Amino acid sequence: MEKTNTHKTKYIVEQVHKLKNKPYEILLIAPLLTDPELLDIRPFTQHSVQSDSGLFFIDLYYSDLKIAIEIDEEYHEKQITEDTERERIITEKEQCTFKRVKIDDKFDFTTTLKILKEFIVSKRDELIKLGSFTKWTIKTFDISQAQKDHPKTVFFKATKPFDSGFDPTRGPIRISEQIRKNADTFATISGDTVTNVYSIKLEDWENYGQGLGYIHKGLELPNHSLLSSGTTEQWIVTSNRILGNDLKE
């Protein structure tokens, strides 16, 4: 397997990981993420959208196509008004088109998968005709150069989610108060692939250590240049994090 394909695989694995404990999302979204005909479009699962009304998540989002896919399981029947308002806010914020899938007695996953894929492909083809589609390609970077190019970024080597007792002020992955005040971006690296990039403020560190890099309070940056890229060198430091050049202990 080519190295670029390895980075793309790791990124997709991370997107599938975000679907844990969501059986219908796994059933419908995982096949779309791994469909060879859709691997030129970068997907985002549980994509976060910050608004004045709070933080919302989109089940499957394609930022390059501006489309959002939501899987409405049975409990959504009790929150139709809330879902409608949430969709309005997200559509306005992201300027995207929504596609909702209703899980009920008439649900057939093979038919639904076909409909969803056709929807995605039609949006991609539409942009291709307009000459405005950007193919998902993998880039590589040198970590030392990235520290210069992104001087206020915390690069975090994710090995596994931390338990609720994790203390970020101690140990080799500690993040000092000074760094928290000055950092503006947090990049999670899985293996040697950047799988998440967030814009962060001081208050976003409150849940640091509780599954960080999977669901985070910071604002997800789907078009960040580091996202889904890969490092060109092995992570050789003992710490789980490397700091941008403007961040000092």
C-alpha atoms as a PDB file:
ATOM      1  CA  MET A   1       0.000   0.000   0.000  1.00  0.00           C
ATOM      2  CA  GLU A   2       1.345   3.447  -0.883  1.00  0.00           C
ATOM      3  CA  LYS A   3       2.158   5.728   2.052  1.00  0.00           C
ATOM      4  CA  THR A   4      -0.490   8.284   1.027  1.00  0.00           C
ATOM      5  CA  ASN A   5      -3.093   5.513   1.036  1.00  0.00           C
ATOM      6  CA  THR A   6      -1.937   4.525   4.513  1.00  0.00           C
ATOM      7  CA  HIS A   7      -2.604   8.063   5.784  1.00  0.00           C
ATOM      8  CA  LYS A   8      -6.034   8.065   4.175  1.00  0.00           C
ATOM      9  CA  THR A   9      -6.828   4.681   5.735  1.00  0.00           C
ATOM     10  CA  LYS A  10      -5.861   5.892   9.208  1.00  0.00           C
ATOM     11  CA  TYR A  11      -7.982   8.991   8.782  1.00  0.00           C
ATOM     12  CA  ILE A  12     -11.023   6.936   7.747  1.00  0.00           C
ATOM     13  CA  VAL A  13     -10.499   4.520  10.646  1.00  0.00           C
ATOM     14  CA  GLU A  14     -10.651   7.502  12.996  1.00  0.00           C
ATOM     15  CA  GLN A  15     -13.897   8.689  11.396  1.00  0.00           C
ATOM     16  CA  VAL A  16     -15.406   5.210  11.849  1.00  0.00           C
ATOM     17  CA  HIS A  17     -14.226   5.215  15.464  1.00  0.00           C
ATOM     18  CA  LYS A  18     -16.402   8.275  16.139  1.00  0.00           C
ATOM     19  CA  LEU A  19     -19.467   6.190  15.243  1.00  0.00           C
ATOM     20  CA  LYS A  20     -19.056   3.815  18.188  1.00  0.00           C
ATOM     21  CA  ASN A  21     -22.249   2.942  20.055  1.00  0.00           C
ATOM     22  CA  LYS A  22     -24.309   4.260  17.150  1.00  0.00           C
ATOM     23  CA  PRO A  23     -25.420   1.086  15.312  1.00  0.00           C
ATOM     24  CA  TYR A  24     -27.482   2.680  12.528  1.00  0.00           C
ATOM     25  CA  GLU A  25     -24.774   5.216  11.796  1.00  0.00           C
ATOM     26  CA  ILE A  26     -22.239   2.397  11.579  1.00  0.00           C
ATOM     27  CA  LEU A  27     -24.570   0.448   9.294  1.00  0.00           C
ATOM     28  CA  LEU A  28     -25.072   3.332   6.869  1.00  0.00           C
ATOM     29  CA  ILE A  29     -22.080   5.611   7.191  1.00  0.00           C
ATOM     30  CA  ALA A  30     -19.184   3.136   7.452  1.00  0.00           C
ATOM     31  CA  PRO A  31     -19.880   1.665   3.967  1.00  0.00           C
ATOM     32  CA  LEU A  32     -19.880   5.179   2.499  1.00  0.00           C
ATOM     33  CA  LEU A  33     -16.558   5.980   4.160  1.00  0.00           C
ATOM     34  CA  THR A  34     -14.926   2.882   2.681  1.00  0.00           C
ATOM     35  CA  ASP A  35     -16.581   2.943  -0.755  1.00  0.00           C
ATOM     36  CA  PRO A  36     -13.715   3.059  -3.346  1.00  0.00           C
ATOM     37  CA  GLU A  37     -15.784   5.336  -5.586  1.00  0.00           C
ATOM     38  CA  LEU A  38     -16.057   7.956  -2.831  1.00  0.00           C
ATOM     39  CA  LEU A  39     -12.438   8.035  -1.665  1.00  0.00           C
ATOM     40  CA  ASP A  40     -11.762  11.270  -3.521  1.00  0.00           C
ATOM     41  CA  ILE A  41     -14.034  13.129  -1.062  1.00  0.00           C
ATOM     42  CA  ARG A  42     -12.845  13.749   2.501  1.00  0.00           C
ATOM     43  CA  PRO A  43     -15.573  12.790   5.021  1.00  0.00           C
ATOM     44  CA  PHE A  44     -16.211  14.003   8.556  1.00  0.00           C
ATOM     45  CA  THR A  45     -18.251  12.058  11.088  1.00  0.00           C
ATOM     46  CA  GLN A  46     -19.724  13.771  14.144  1.00  0.00           C
ATOM     47  CA  HIS A  47     -18.579  17.081  12.690  1.00  0.00           C
ATOM     48  CA  SER A  48     -18.936  19.878  15.258  1.00  0.00           C
ATOM     49  CA  VAL A  49     -20.648  23.167  14.459  1.00  0.00           C
ATOM     50  CA  GLN A  50     -20.490  26.021  16.960  1.00  0.00           C
ATOM     51  CA  SER A  51     -23.391  28.467  17.085  1.00  0.00           C
ATOM     52  CA  ASP A  52     -24.914  30.986  19.465  1.00  0.00           C
ATOM     53  CA  SER A  53     -27.339  28.229  20.487  1.00  0.00           C
ATOM     54  CA  GLY A  54     -24.578  25.814  21.428  1.00  0.00           C
ATOM     55  CA  LEU A  55     -22.442  23.066  19.905  1.00  0.00           C
ATOM     56  CA  PHE A  56     -24.109  20.762  17.370  1.00  0.00           C
ATOM     57  CA  PHE A  57     -22.839  17.641  15.613  1.00  0.00           C
ATOM     58  CA  ILE A  58     -23.501  16.382  12.087  1.00  0.00           C
ATOM     59  CA  ASP A  59     -23.514  12.589  11.646  1.00  0.00           C
ATOM     60  CA  LEU A  60     -21.728  12.734   8.275  1.00  0.00           C
ATOM     61  CA  TYR A  61     -20.442  15.914   6.666  1.00  0.00           C
ATOM     62  CA  TYR A  62     -18.610  16.553   3.405  1.00  0.00           C
ATOM     63  CA  SER A  63     -17.184  20.062   3.662  1.00  0.00           C
ATOM     64  CA  ASP A  64     -16.044  20.111   0.021  1.00  0.00           C
ATOM     65  CA  LEU A  65     -19.551  19.240  -1.175  1.00  0.00           C
ATOM     66  CA  LYS A  66     -21.367  21.251   1.508  1.00  0.00           C
ATOM     67  CA  ILE A  67     -23.702  18.376   2.338  1.00  0.00           C
ATOM     68  CA  ALA A  68     -24.798  17.056   5.732  1.00  0.00           C
ATOM     69  CA  ILE A  69     -26.301  13.611   6.297  1.00  0.00           C
ATOM     70  CA  GLU A  70     -28.289  12.861   9.440  1.00  0.00           C
ATOM     71  CA  ILE A  71     -29.476   9.451  10.612  1.00  0.00           C
ATOM     72  CA  ASP A  72     -32.745   9.946  12.521  1.00  0.00           C
ATOM     73  CA  GLU A  73     -33.364   6.977  14.785  1.00  0.00           C
ATOM     74  CA  GLU A  74     -36.698   6.418  16.522  1.00  0.00           C
ATOM     75  CA  TYR A  75     -36.059   8.822  19.397  1.00  0.00           C
ATOM     76  CA  HIS A  76     -35.958  11.705  16.893  1.00  0.00           C
ATOM     77  CA  GLU A  77     -39.741  11.394  16.597  1.00  0.00           C
ATOM     78  CA  LYS A  78     -39.939  13.019  20.024  1.00  0.00           C
ATOM     79  CA  GLN A  79     -37.759  15.984  19.057  1.00  0.00           C
ATOM     80  CA  ILE A  80     -38.923  17.009  15.588  1.00  0.00           C
ATOM     81  CA  THR A  81     -39.186  20.690  16.510  1.00  0.00           C
ATOM     82  CA  GLU A  82     -35.689  20.711  18.016  1.00  0.00           C
ATOM     83  CA  ASP A  83     -34.236  18.860  14.998  1.00  0.00           C
ATOM     84  CA  THR A  84     -35.860  21.296  12.581  1.00  0.00           C
ATOM     85  CA  GLU A  85     -34.405  24.276  14.410  1.00  0.00           C
ATOM     86  CA  ARG A  86     -31.019  22.581  14.666  1.00  0.00           C
ATOM     87  CA  GLU A  87     -31.036  21.898  10.917  1.00  0.00           C
ATOM     88  CA  ARG A  88     -31.921  25.527  10.221  1.00  0.00           C
ATOM     89  CA  ILE A  89     -29.030  26.773  12.353  1.00  0.00           C
ATOM     90  CA  ILE A  90     -26.488  24.374  10.838  1.00  0.00           C
ATOM     91  CA  THR A  91     -27.656  25.070   7.268  1.00  0.00           C
ATOM     92  CA  GLU A  92     -27.297  28.797   7.852  1.00  0.00           C
ATOM     93  CA  LYS A  93     -23.919  28.409   9.539  1.00  0.00           C
ATOM     94  CA  GLU A  94     -22.361  25.941   7.092  1.00  0.00           C
ATOM     95  CA  GLN A  95     -24.319  26.904   3.955  1.00  0.00           C
ATOM     96  CA  CYS A  96     -24.910  23.213   3.358  1.00  0.00           C
ATOM     97  CA  THR A  97     -27.653  20.921   2.045  1.00  0.00           C
ATOM     98  CA  PHE A  98     -29.239  18.432   4.457  1.00  0.00           C
ATOM     99  CA  LYS A  99     -30.171  14.829   3.713  1.00  0.00           C
ATOM    100  CA  ARG A 100     -32.081  13.051   6.492  1.00  0.00           C
ATOM    101  CA  VAL A 101     -32.583   9.292   6.826  1.00  0.00           C
ATOM    102  CA  LYS A 102     -35.527   8.142   8.889  1.00  0.00           C
ATOM    103  CA  ILE A 103     -35.198   4.851  10.750  1.00  0.00           C
ATOM    104  CA  ASP A 104     -38.658   3.266  10.993  1.00  0.00           C
ATOM    105  CA  ASP A 105     -40.538   0.081  10.082  1.00  0.00           C
ATOM    106  CA  LYS A 106     -40.153   0.840   6.362  1.00  0.00           C
ATOM    107  CA  PHE A 107     -36.386   1.308   6.580  1.00  0.00           C
ATOM    108  CA  ASP A 108     -34.314  -0.798   4.173  1.00  0.00           C
ATOM    109  CA  PHE A 109     -30.590  -0.248   4.494  1.00  0.00           C
ATOM    110  CA  THR A 110     -29.570  -1.448   1.010  1.00  0.00           C
ATOM    111  CA  THR A 111     -31.992   0.945  -0.662  1.00  0.00           C
ATOM    112  CA  THR A 112     -30.991   3.744   1.687  1.00  0.00           C
ATOM    113  CA  LEU A 113     -27.294   3.197   1.006  1.00  0.00           C
ATOM    114  CA  LYS A 114     -27.933   3.439  -2.718  1.00  0.00           C
ATOM    115  CA  ILE A 115     -29.902   6.665  -2.278  1.00  0.00           C
ATOM    116  CA  LEU A 116     -27.208   8.210  -0.096  1.00  0.00           C
ATOM    117  CA  LYS A 117     -24.411   7.295  -2.472  1.00  0.00           C
ATOM    118  CA  GLU A 118     -26.338   8.695  -5.446  1.00  0.00           C
ATOM    119  CA  PHE A 119     -26.908  11.894  -3.496  1.00  0.00           C
ATOM    120  CA  ILE A 120     -23.188  12.267  -2.730  1.00  0.00           C
ATOM    121  CA  VAL A 121     -22.095  11.404  -6.265  1.00  0.00           C
ATOM    122  CA  SER A 122     -24.588  13.830  -7.814  1.00  0.00           C
ATOM    123  CA  LYS A 123     -23.227  16.687  -5.693  1.00  0.00           C
ATOM    124  CA  ARG A 124     -19.664  15.783  -6.612  1.00  0.00           C
ATOM    125  CA  ASP A 125     -20.503  15.562 -10.332  1.00  0.00           C
ATOM    126  CA  GLU A 126     -22.269  18.889 -10.157  1.00  0.00           C
ATOM    127  CA  LEU A 127     -19.139  20.543  -8.775  1.00  0.00           C
ATOM    128  CA  ILE A 128     -16.919  18.760 -11.300  1.00  0.00           C
ATOM    129  CA  LYS A 129     -18.990  20.234 -14.141  1.00  0.00           C
ATOM    130  CA  LEU A 130     -18.616  23.667 -12.579  1.00  0.00           C
ATOM    131  CA  GLY A 131     -14.868  23.133 -12.265  1.00  0.00           C
ATOM    132  CA  SER A 132     -14.980  23.726  -8.506  1.00  0.00           C
ATOM    133  CA  PHE A 133     -14.456  20.235  -7.093  1.00  0.00           C
ATOM    134  CA  THR A 134     -11.252  19.676  -5.125  1.00  0.00           C
ATOM    135  CA  LYS A 135     -10.153  16.052  -4.991  1.00  0.00           C
ATOM    136  CA  TRP A 136      -9.092  14.724  -1.596  1.00  0.00           C
ATOM    137  CA  THR A 137      -5.346  14.249  -1.801  1.00  0.00           C
ATOM    138  CA  ILE A 138      -2.882  13.426   0.954  1.00  0.00           C
ATOM    139  CA  LYS A 139       0.027  15.726   1.737  1.00  0.00           C
ATOM    140  CA  THR A 140       3.014  15.024   3.937  1.00  0.00           C
ATOM    141  CA  PHE A 141       4.880  17.383   6.208  1.00  0.00           C
ATOM    142  CA  ASP A 142       8.007  17.547   8.327  1.00  0.00           C
ATOM    143  CA  ILE A 143       7.082  18.001  11.983  1.00  0.00           C
ATOM    144  CA  SER A 144       9.823  20.561  12.571  1.00  0.00           C
ATOM    145  CA  GLN A 145       8.563  22.627   9.633  1.00  0.00           C
ATOM    146  CA  ALA A 146       5.002  22.292  10.923  1.00  0.00           C
ATOM    147  CA  GLN A 147       6.136  23.761  14.248  1.00  0.00           C
ATOM    148  CA  LYS A 148       7.287  26.847  12.319  1.00  0.00           C
ATOM    149  CA  ASP A 149       4.265  27.049  10.022  1.00  0.00           C
ATOM    150  CA  HIS A 150       1.770  26.544  12.884  1.00  0.00           C
ATOM    151  CA  PRO A 151       3.558  28.217  15.809  1.00  0.00           C
ATOM    152  CA  LYS A 152       0.591  28.229  18.217  1.00  0.00           C
ATOM    153  CA  THR A 153      -0.476  24.626  17.617  1.00  0.00           C
ATOM    154  CA  VAL A 154      -0.297  21.733  20.076  1.00  0.00           C
ATOM    155  CA  PHE A 155       0.491  18.523  18.164  1.00  0.00           C
ATOM    156  CA  PHE A 156      -0.815  15.602  20.177  1.00  0.00           C
ATOM    157  CA  LYS A 157       0.099  11.961  19.670  1.00  0.00           C
ATOM    158  CA  ALA A 158      -3.126  10.047  20.401  1.00  0.00           C
ATOM    159  CA  THR A 159      -2.619   6.477  21.551  1.00  0.00           C
ATOM    160  CA  LYS A 160      -5.938   5.871  23.314  1.00  0.00           C
ATOM    161  CA  PRO A 161      -8.663   7.841  25.103  1.00  0.00           C
ATOM    162  CA  PHE A 162      -7.804   8.787  28.664  1.00  0.00           C
ATOM    163  CA  ASP A 163      -9.883   7.787  31.651  1.00  0.00           C
ATOM    164  CA  SER A 164     -11.872  10.350  33.605  1.00  0.00           C
ATOM    165  CA  GLY A 165      -9.142  10.581  36.233  1.00  0.00           C
ATOM    166  CA  PHE A 166      -6.502  11.873  33.816  1.00  0.00           C
ATOM    167  CA  ASP A 167      -4.657  14.962  35.064  1.00  0.00           C
ATOM    168  CA  PRO A 168      -3.294  17.150  32.225  1.00  0.00           C
ATOM    169  CA  THR A 169      -1.044  19.083  34.609  1.00  0.00           C
ATOM    170  CA  ARG A 170       1.132  16.070  35.340  1.00  0.00           C
ATOM    171  CA  GLY A 171       3.154  13.523  33.410  1.00  0.00           C
ATOM    172  CA  PRO A 172       4.786  13.592  29.937  1.00  0.00           C
ATOM    173  CA  ILE A 173       1.640  14.880  28.189  1.00  0.00           C
ATOM    174  CA  ARG A 174       0.918  17.733  30.589  1.00  0.00           C
ATOM    175  CA  ILE A 175      -0.282  21.017  29.122  1.00  0.00           C
ATOM    176  CA  SER A 176       0.701  23.971  31.294  1.00  0.00           C
ATOM    177  CA  GLU A 177      -1.522  26.955  31.978  1.00  0.00           C
ATOM    178  CA  GLN A 178       0.810  29.132  29.904  1.00  0.00           C
ATOM    179  CA  ILE A 179       0.429  26.883  26.874  1.00  0.00           C
ATOM    180  CA  ARG A 180      -3.349  26.759  27.298  1.00  0.00           C
ATOM    181  CA  LYS A 181      -3.511  30.548  27.281  1.00  0.00           C
ATOM    182  CA  ASN A 182      -1.410  30.935  24.131  1.00  0.00           C
ATOM    183  CA  ALA A 183      -2.383  27.927  21.982  1.00  0.00           C
ATOM    184  CA  ASP A 184      -4.984  28.534  19.271  1.00  0.00           C
ATOM    185  CA  THR A 185      -5.022  25.138  17.526  1.00  0.00           C
ATOM    186  CA  PHE A 186      -4.931  21.503  18.605  1.00  0.00           C
ATOM    187  CA  ALA A 187      -3.947  18.778  16.116  1.00  0.00           C
ATOM    188  CA  THR A 188      -4.415  15.102  16.971  1.00  0.00           C
ATOM    189  CA  ILE A 189      -1.988  12.715  15.289  1.00  0.00           C
ATOM    190  CA  SER A 190      -2.871   9.022  15.115  1.00  0.00           C
ATOM    191  CA  GLY A 191       0.244   7.065  14.234  1.00  0.00           C
ATOM    192  CA  ASP A 192       1.699   9.525  11.731  1.00  0.00           C
ATOM    193  CA  THR A 193      -1.572  10.878  10.349  1.00  0.00           C
ATOM    194  CA  VAL A 194      -3.398  14.048  11.447  1.00  0.00           C
ATOM    195  CA  THR A 195      -6.959  12.929  12.173  1.00  0.00           C
ATOM    196  CA  ASN A 196      -8.435  15.992  13.928  1.00  0.00           C
ATOM    197  CA  VAL A 197      -7.677  19.722  13.990  1.00  0.00           C
ATOM    198  CA  TYR A 198      -9.480  22.085  16.359  1.00  0.00           C
ATOM    199  CA  SER A 199      -9.485  25.798  17.012  1.00  0.00           C
ATOM    200  CA  ILE A 200      -9.318  26.177  20.778  1.00  0.00           C
ATOM    201  CA  LYS A 201      -9.850  28.778  23.461  1.00  0.00           C
ATOM    202  CA  LEU A 202      -8.796  28.621  27.085  1.00  0.00           C
ATOM    203  CA  GLU A 203     -12.187  27.308  28.245  1.00  0.00           C
ATOM    204  CA  ASP A 204     -12.038  24.435  25.736  1.00  0.00           C
ATOM    205  CA  TRP A 205      -9.408  22.698  27.864  1.00  0.00           C
ATOM    206  CA  GLU A 206     -11.987  21.847  30.530  1.00  0.00           C
ATOM    207  CA  ASN A 207     -12.552  18.316  29.190  1.00  0.00           C
ATOM    208  CA  TYR A 208      -8.935  17.680  28.224  1.00  0.00           C
ATOM    209  CA  GLY A 209      -8.140  14.013  28.756  1.00  0.00           C
ATOM    210  CA  GLN A 210     -11.678  12.699  28.417  1.00  0.00           C
ATOM    211  CA  GLY A 211     -11.518  11.133  24.974  1.00  0.00           C
ATOM    212  CA  LEU A 212      -9.579  14.121  23.626  1.00  0.00           C
ATOM    213  CA  GLY A 213      -9.226  14.095  19.860  1.00  0.00           C
ATOM    214  CA  TYR A 214     -12.482  12.209  19.377  1.00  0.00           C
ATOM    215  CA  ILE A 215     -15.232  14.528  20.622  1.00  0.00           C
ATOM    216  CA  HIS A 216     -13.800  17.851  21.673  1.00  0.00           C
ATOM    217  CA  LYS A 217     -15.234  21.168  22.839  1.00  0.00           C
ATOM    218  CA  GLY A 218     -13.101  23.163  20.413  1.00  0.00           C
ATOM    219  CA  LEU A 219     -14.279  24.184  16.951  1.00  0.00           C
ATOM    220  CA  GLU A 220     -13.438  21.561  14.334  1.00  0.00           C
ATOM    221  CA  LEU A 221     -11.550  22.931  11.323  1.00  0.00           C
ATOM    222  CA  PRO A 222     -12.524  20.781   8.305  1.00  0.00           C
ATOM    223  CA  ASN A 223     -10.432  22.752   5.805  1.00  0.00           C
ATOM    224  CA  HIS A 224      -7.230  23.028   7.816  1.00  0.00           C
ATOM    225  CA  SER A 225      -4.139  22.258   5.738  1.00  0.00           C
ATOM    226  CA  LEU A 226      -2.839  19.701   8.250  1.00  0.00           C
ATOM    227  CA  LEU A 227      -5.992  17.585   8.366  1.00  0.00           C
ATOM    228  CA  SER A 228      -5.553  14.024   7.025  1.00  0.00           C
ATOM    229  CA  SER A 229      -1.942  14.827   6.108  1.00  0.00           C
ATOM    230  CA  GLY A 230       0.935  12.708   7.325  1.00  0.00           C
ATOM    231  CA  THR A 231       4.290  13.307   8.948  1.00  0.00           C
ATOM    232  CA  THR A 232       7.389  12.411   6.981  1.00  0.00           C
ATOM    233  CA  GLU A 233       9.361  11.324  10.016  1.00  0.00           C
ATOM    234  CA  GLN A 234       8.764   9.086  12.991  1.00  0.00           C
ATOM    235  CA  TRP A 235       7.649  10.584  16.286  1.00  0.00           C
ATOM    236  CA  ILE A 236      10.954  10.358  18.113  1.00  0.00           C
ATOM    237  CA  VAL A 237      10.291  12.361  21.289  1.00  0.00           C
ATOM    238  CA  THR A 238       9.175  10.647  24.494  1.00  0.00           C
ATOM    239  CA  SER A 239       6.340  13.098  25.159  1.00  0.00           C
ATOM    240  CA  ASN A 240       2.902  12.653  23.626  1.00  0.00           C
ATOM    241  CA  ARG A 241       2.860  16.244  22.451  1.00  0.00           C
ATOM    242  CA  ILE A 242       5.033  18.588  20.427  1.00  0.00           C
ATOM    243  CA  LEU A 243       4.559  22.358  20.573  1.00  0.00           C
ATOM    244  CA  GLY A 244       4.517  25.006  17.889  1.00  0.00           C
ATOM    245  CA  ASN A 245       7.492  27.353  18.088  1.00  0.00           C
ATOM    246  CA  ASP A 246       5.567  30.167  19.817  1.00  0.00           C
ATOM    247  CA  LEU A 247       4.438  27.932  22.673  1.00  0.00           C
ATOM    248  CA  LYS A 248       6.840  27.829  25.608  1.00  0.00           C
ATOM    249  CA  GLU A 249       6.705  25.862  28.845  1.00  0.00           C
END
